[in-house]
Structures are given as structure tokens and as C-alpha cells.
Amino acid sequence: MARVDSWTWAVRMFKTRTAAAAACRGGHVKVNGVTAKPAQTVAVGDEVRVRTAGVERIVEVARVISKRVGPTVAVECFIDHSPPPPPREVLASIPQRDRGAGRPTKRDRRELEKLRGFNVD
């Protein structure tokens, strides 16, 4: 048995254990479908869902470790069930607002709603 924050750090899902604990406190880590606190224990066979940088990773615990190990050993400690990332074409087609452009104006919001098909008058 190991703590979920320690295990996710040990298998290199987070750079620091502090970041792993903060993700648990923020609700970005789930064990068997339930939001996990940093001290929750994980066992072999548990499903751990971690959301980092907008990407959700779904892994199954294959081996419980509490000390950080090398990347080749870390990969052997879990079974990755994550969906494949979306193709680059899909990511490129998602419109993004320019950095520093500020909040959308009322006119911008109406144009976005019209584009998305909401509130069509």
C-alpha cells in the first residue's frame, strides 16, 4: 500500500510530490472513480485517473512503489488505458483567442454564440 500522491510522483506522472499532492487536493486525481485525497492508499488493480495540462491519463496500478524510480522501471509499475491523443488537425482547428486580447466584448460573445448555434434569434 502506498499513498496516491507518492505513487503518482514515483511513477513520474508529476515532477514533484508537492505537485502531486496539490493535484489531489484540487480534485484532479481519482482512484476507482472517486476523487482522491493525497493520503488515500492505492493497491494493485486500482484505476487511477490523473488530469494534467488538460489531458486525462487513465492507468491501472500494476506494482505499488513509494520511492521514485527511473523511467524504464516506472513504466512497468502501471498499465496505461489512456485514450490516444487527438490528431494534430483537430487541435489546430480549435479556435483560440490571442494572448493579451482581453475579455471578449458583448459583440464577440454574440458572434461566438451565433457560430456555435446558441441563442439564435
C-alpha atoms as a PDB file:
ATOM      1  CA  MET A   1       0.000   0.000   0.000  1.00  0.00           C
ATOM      2  CA  ALA A   2       1.227   3.480  -0.883  1.00  0.00           C
ATOM      3  CA  ARG A   3      -0.228   6.961  -0.799  1.00  0.00           C
ATOM      4  CA  VAL A   4      -1.711   8.108  -4.107  1.00  0.00           C
ATOM      5  CA  ASP A   5       0.358  11.323  -4.186  1.00  0.00           C
ATOM      6  CA  SER A   6       3.546   9.363  -3.501  1.00  0.00           C
ATOM      7  CA  TRP A   7       2.708   6.700  -6.103  1.00  0.00           C
ATOM      8  CA  THR A   8       1.838   9.180  -8.886  1.00  0.00           C
ATOM      9  CA  TRP A   9       5.101  11.036  -8.190  1.00  0.00           C
ATOM     10  CA  ALA A  10       7.091   7.772  -8.051  1.00  0.00           C
ATOM     11  CA  VAL A  11       5.833   6.632 -11.478  1.00  0.00           C
ATOM     12  CA  ARG A  12       6.686  10.064 -12.915  1.00  0.00           C
ATOM     13  CA  MET A  13       3.223  11.491 -13.591  1.00  0.00           C
ATOM     14  CA  PHE A  14       4.262  14.622 -11.668  1.00  0.00           C
ATOM     15  CA  LYS A  15       7.654  16.315 -11.362  1.00  0.00           C
ATOM     16  CA  THR A  16       7.381  16.819  -7.596  1.00  0.00           C
ATOM     17  CA  ARG A  17       5.478  15.172  -4.788  1.00  0.00           C
ATOM     18  CA  THR A  18       4.174  18.609  -3.824  1.00  0.00           C
ATOM     19  CA  ALA A  19       2.633  18.967  -7.293  1.00  0.00           C
ATOM     20  CA  ALA A  20       1.074  15.507  -6.957  1.00  0.00           C
ATOM     21  CA  ALA A  21      -0.435  16.395  -3.579  1.00  0.00           C
ATOM     22  CA  ALA A  22      -1.733  19.718  -4.940  1.00  0.00           C
ATOM     23  CA  ALA A  23      -3.387  17.903  -7.859  1.00  0.00           C
ATOM     24  CA  CYS A  24      -5.077  15.540  -5.392  1.00  0.00           C
ATOM     25  CA  ARG A  25      -6.322  18.439  -3.270  1.00  0.00           C
ATOM     26  CA  GLY A  26      -7.555  20.185  -6.424  1.00  0.00           C
ATOM     27  CA  GLY A  27      -9.659  17.199  -7.464  1.00  0.00           C
ATOM     28  CA  HIS A  28      -7.537  16.244 -10.491  1.00  0.00           C
ATOM     29  CA  VAL A  29      -6.786  12.714  -9.263  1.00  0.00           C
ATOM     30  CA  LYS A  30      -9.404   9.968  -8.944  1.00  0.00           C
ATOM     31  CA  VAL A  31      -8.952   6.435  -7.629  1.00  0.00           C
ATOM     32  CA  ASN A  32     -11.595   3.947  -8.777  1.00  0.00           C
ATOM     33  CA  GLY A  33     -13.855   6.821  -9.867  1.00  0.00           C
ATOM     34  CA  VAL A  34     -13.743   8.689  -6.528  1.00  0.00           C
ATOM     35  CA  THR A  35     -11.837  11.942  -6.021  1.00  0.00           C
ATOM     36  CA  ALA A  36      -8.732  11.115  -4.010  1.00  0.00           C
ATOM     37  CA  LYS A  37      -7.117  12.950  -1.132  1.00  0.00           C
ATOM     38  CA  PRO A  38      -3.289  12.879  -1.081  1.00  0.00           C
ATOM     39  CA  ALA A  39      -3.140  10.291   1.739  1.00  0.00           C
ATOM     40  CA  GLN A  40      -5.504   7.789   0.096  1.00  0.00           C
ATOM     41  CA  THR A  41      -3.831   4.444  -0.447  1.00  0.00           C
ATOM     42  CA  VAL A  42      -3.577   2.618  -3.759  1.00  0.00           C
ATOM     43  CA  ALA A  43      -3.280  -1.120  -4.274  1.00  0.00           C
ATOM     44  CA  VAL A  44      -2.567  -3.367  -7.235  1.00  0.00           C
ATOM     45  CA  GLY A  45      -5.519  -3.337  -9.634  1.00  0.00           C
ATOM     46  CA  ASP A  46      -6.800   0.153  -8.713  1.00  0.00           C
ATOM     47  CA  GLU A  47      -7.688   2.535 -11.553  1.00  0.00           C
ATOM     48  CA  VAL A  48      -6.091   5.975 -11.201  1.00  0.00           C
ATOM     49  CA  ARG A  49      -7.241   8.899 -13.366  1.00  0.00           C
ATOM     50  CA  VAL A  50      -4.913  11.909 -13.468  1.00  0.00           C
ATOM     51  CA  ARG A  51      -5.727  15.162 -15.264  1.00  0.00           C
ATOM     52  CA  THR A  52      -2.630  17.237 -16.076  1.00  0.00           C
ATOM     53  CA  ALA A  53      -2.284  20.012 -18.636  1.00  0.00           C
ATOM     54  CA  GLY A  54      -5.781  19.334 -19.980  1.00  0.00           C
ATOM     55  CA  VAL A  55      -5.002  15.682 -20.728  1.00  0.00           C
ATOM     56  CA  GLU A  56      -6.533  12.839 -18.755  1.00  0.00           C
ATOM     57  CA  ARG A  57      -4.409   9.745 -18.163  1.00  0.00           C
ATOM     58  CA  ILE A  58      -6.120   6.527 -17.104  1.00  0.00           C
ATOM     59  CA  VAL A  59      -3.757   3.981 -15.573  1.00  0.00           C
ATOM     60  CA  GLU A  60      -4.118   0.746 -13.659  1.00  0.00           C
ATOM     61  CA  VAL A  61      -1.733   0.081 -10.777  1.00  0.00           C
ATOM     62  CA  ALA A  62       0.436  -2.940 -11.647  1.00  0.00           C
ATOM     63  CA  ARG A  63       3.005  -2.529  -8.872  1.00  0.00           C
ATOM     64  CA  VAL A  64       2.942  -0.372  -5.761  1.00  0.00           C
ATOM     65  CA  ILE A  65       6.068   1.715  -5.151  1.00  0.00           C
ATOM     66  CA  SER A  66       6.686   4.704  -2.909  1.00  0.00           C
ATOM     67  CA  LYS A  67      10.211   5.728  -3.963  1.00  0.00           C
ATOM     68  CA  ARG A  68      10.872   7.496  -7.270  1.00  0.00           C
ATOM     69  CA  VAL A  69      12.443   5.194  -9.839  1.00  0.00           C
ATOM     70  CA  GLY A  70      13.892   5.522 -13.324  1.00  0.00           C
ATOM     71  CA  PRO A  71      11.577   5.904 -16.317  1.00  0.00           C
ATOM     72  CA  THR A  72      12.094   2.339 -17.571  1.00  0.00           C
ATOM     73  CA  VAL A  73      11.113   0.890 -14.184  1.00  0.00           C
ATOM     74  CA  ALA A  74       8.260   3.397 -13.740  1.00  0.00           C
ATOM     75  CA  VAL A  75       6.578   2.233 -16.958  1.00  0.00           C
ATOM     76  CA  GLU A  76       6.423  -1.305 -15.567  1.00  0.00           C
ATOM     77  CA  CYS A  77       4.503  -0.130 -12.473  1.00  0.00           C
ATOM     78  CA  PHE A  78       1.293   0.751 -14.321  1.00  0.00           C
ATOM     79  CA  ILE A  79      -0.821  -0.310 -17.290  1.00  0.00           C
ATOM     80  CA  ASP A  80      -1.839   2.662 -19.428  1.00  0.00           C
ATOM     81  CA  HIS A  81      -5.501   2.678 -20.549  1.00  0.00           C
ATOM     82  CA  SER A  82      -5.494   6.319 -21.700  1.00  0.00           C
ATOM     83  CA  PRO A  83      -7.241   7.141 -24.973  1.00  0.00           C
ATOM     84  CA  PRO A  84      -4.915   8.196 -27.789  1.00  0.00           C
ATOM     85  CA  PRO A  85      -4.363  11.948 -28.120  1.00  0.00           C
ATOM     86  CA  PRO A  86      -6.469  13.752 -30.737  1.00  0.00           C
ATOM     87  CA  PRO A  87      -4.849  14.232 -34.162  1.00  0.00           C
ATOM     88  CA  ARG A  88      -2.989  17.479 -34.808  1.00  0.00           C
ATOM     89  CA  GLU A  89      -5.582  18.545 -37.372  1.00  0.00           C
ATOM     90  CA  VAL A  90      -8.292  18.558 -34.705  1.00  0.00           C
ATOM     91  CA  LEU A  91      -6.139  20.534 -32.277  1.00  0.00           C
ATOM     92  CA  ALA A  92      -5.268  23.070 -34.961  1.00  0.00           C
ATOM     93  CA  SER A  93      -8.936  23.583 -35.891  1.00  0.00           C
ATOM     94  CA  ILE A  94      -9.946  24.625 -32.355  1.00  0.00           C
ATOM     95  CA  PRO A  95     -10.100  28.423 -32.333  1.00  0.00           C
ATOM     96  CA  GLN A  96      -8.045  30.143 -29.654  1.00  0.00           C
ATOM     97  CA  ARG A  97      -8.125  33.731 -28.531  1.00  0.00           C
ATOM     98  CA  ASP A  98      -4.886  35.675 -28.952  1.00  0.00           C
ATOM     99  CA  ARG A  99      -2.924  36.128 -25.771  1.00  0.00           C
ATOM    100  CA  GLY A 100      -3.364  39.601 -24.341  1.00  0.00           C
ATOM    101  CA  ALA A 101      -6.542  40.276 -26.318  1.00  0.00           C
ATOM    102  CA  GLY A 102      -8.527  40.738 -23.096  1.00  0.00           C
ATOM    103  CA  ARG A 103     -12.057  39.674 -22.348  1.00  0.00           C
ATOM    104  CA  PRO A 104     -14.447  39.141 -25.243  1.00  0.00           C
ATOM    105  CA  THR A 105     -16.780  42.063 -25.837  1.00  0.00           C
ATOM    106  CA  LYS A 106     -20.546  41.646 -25.973  1.00  0.00           C
ATOM    107  CA  ARG A 107     -20.307  41.696 -29.764  1.00  0.00           C
ATOM    108  CA  ASP A 108     -17.608  38.960 -29.702  1.00  0.00           C
ATOM    109  CA  ARG A 109     -19.751  36.842 -27.375  1.00  0.00           C
ATOM    110  CA  ARG A 110     -22.788  37.161 -29.649  1.00  0.00           C
ATOM    111  CA  GLU A 111     -20.705  36.169 -32.687  1.00  0.00           C
ATOM    112  CA  LEU A 112     -19.373  33.123 -30.820  1.00  0.00           C
ATOM    113  CA  GLU A 113     -22.881  32.077 -29.769  1.00  0.00           C
ATOM    114  CA  LYS A 114     -24.090  32.503 -33.333  1.00  0.00           C
ATOM    115  CA  LEU A 115     -21.199  30.367 -34.587  1.00  0.00           C
ATOM    116  CA  ARG A 116     -21.919  27.653 -32.022  1.00  0.00           C
ATOM    117  CA  GLY A 117     -25.649  27.702 -32.728  1.00  0.00           C
ATOM    118  CA  PHE A 118     -26.791  29.042 -29.341  1.00  0.00           C
ATOM    119  CA  ASN A 119     -29.396  31.721 -28.819  1.00  0.00           C
ATOM    120  CA  VAL A 120     -30.240  32.095 -32.493  1.00  0.00           C
ATOM    121  CA  ASP A 121     -32.807  34.905 -32.884  1.00  0.00           C
END
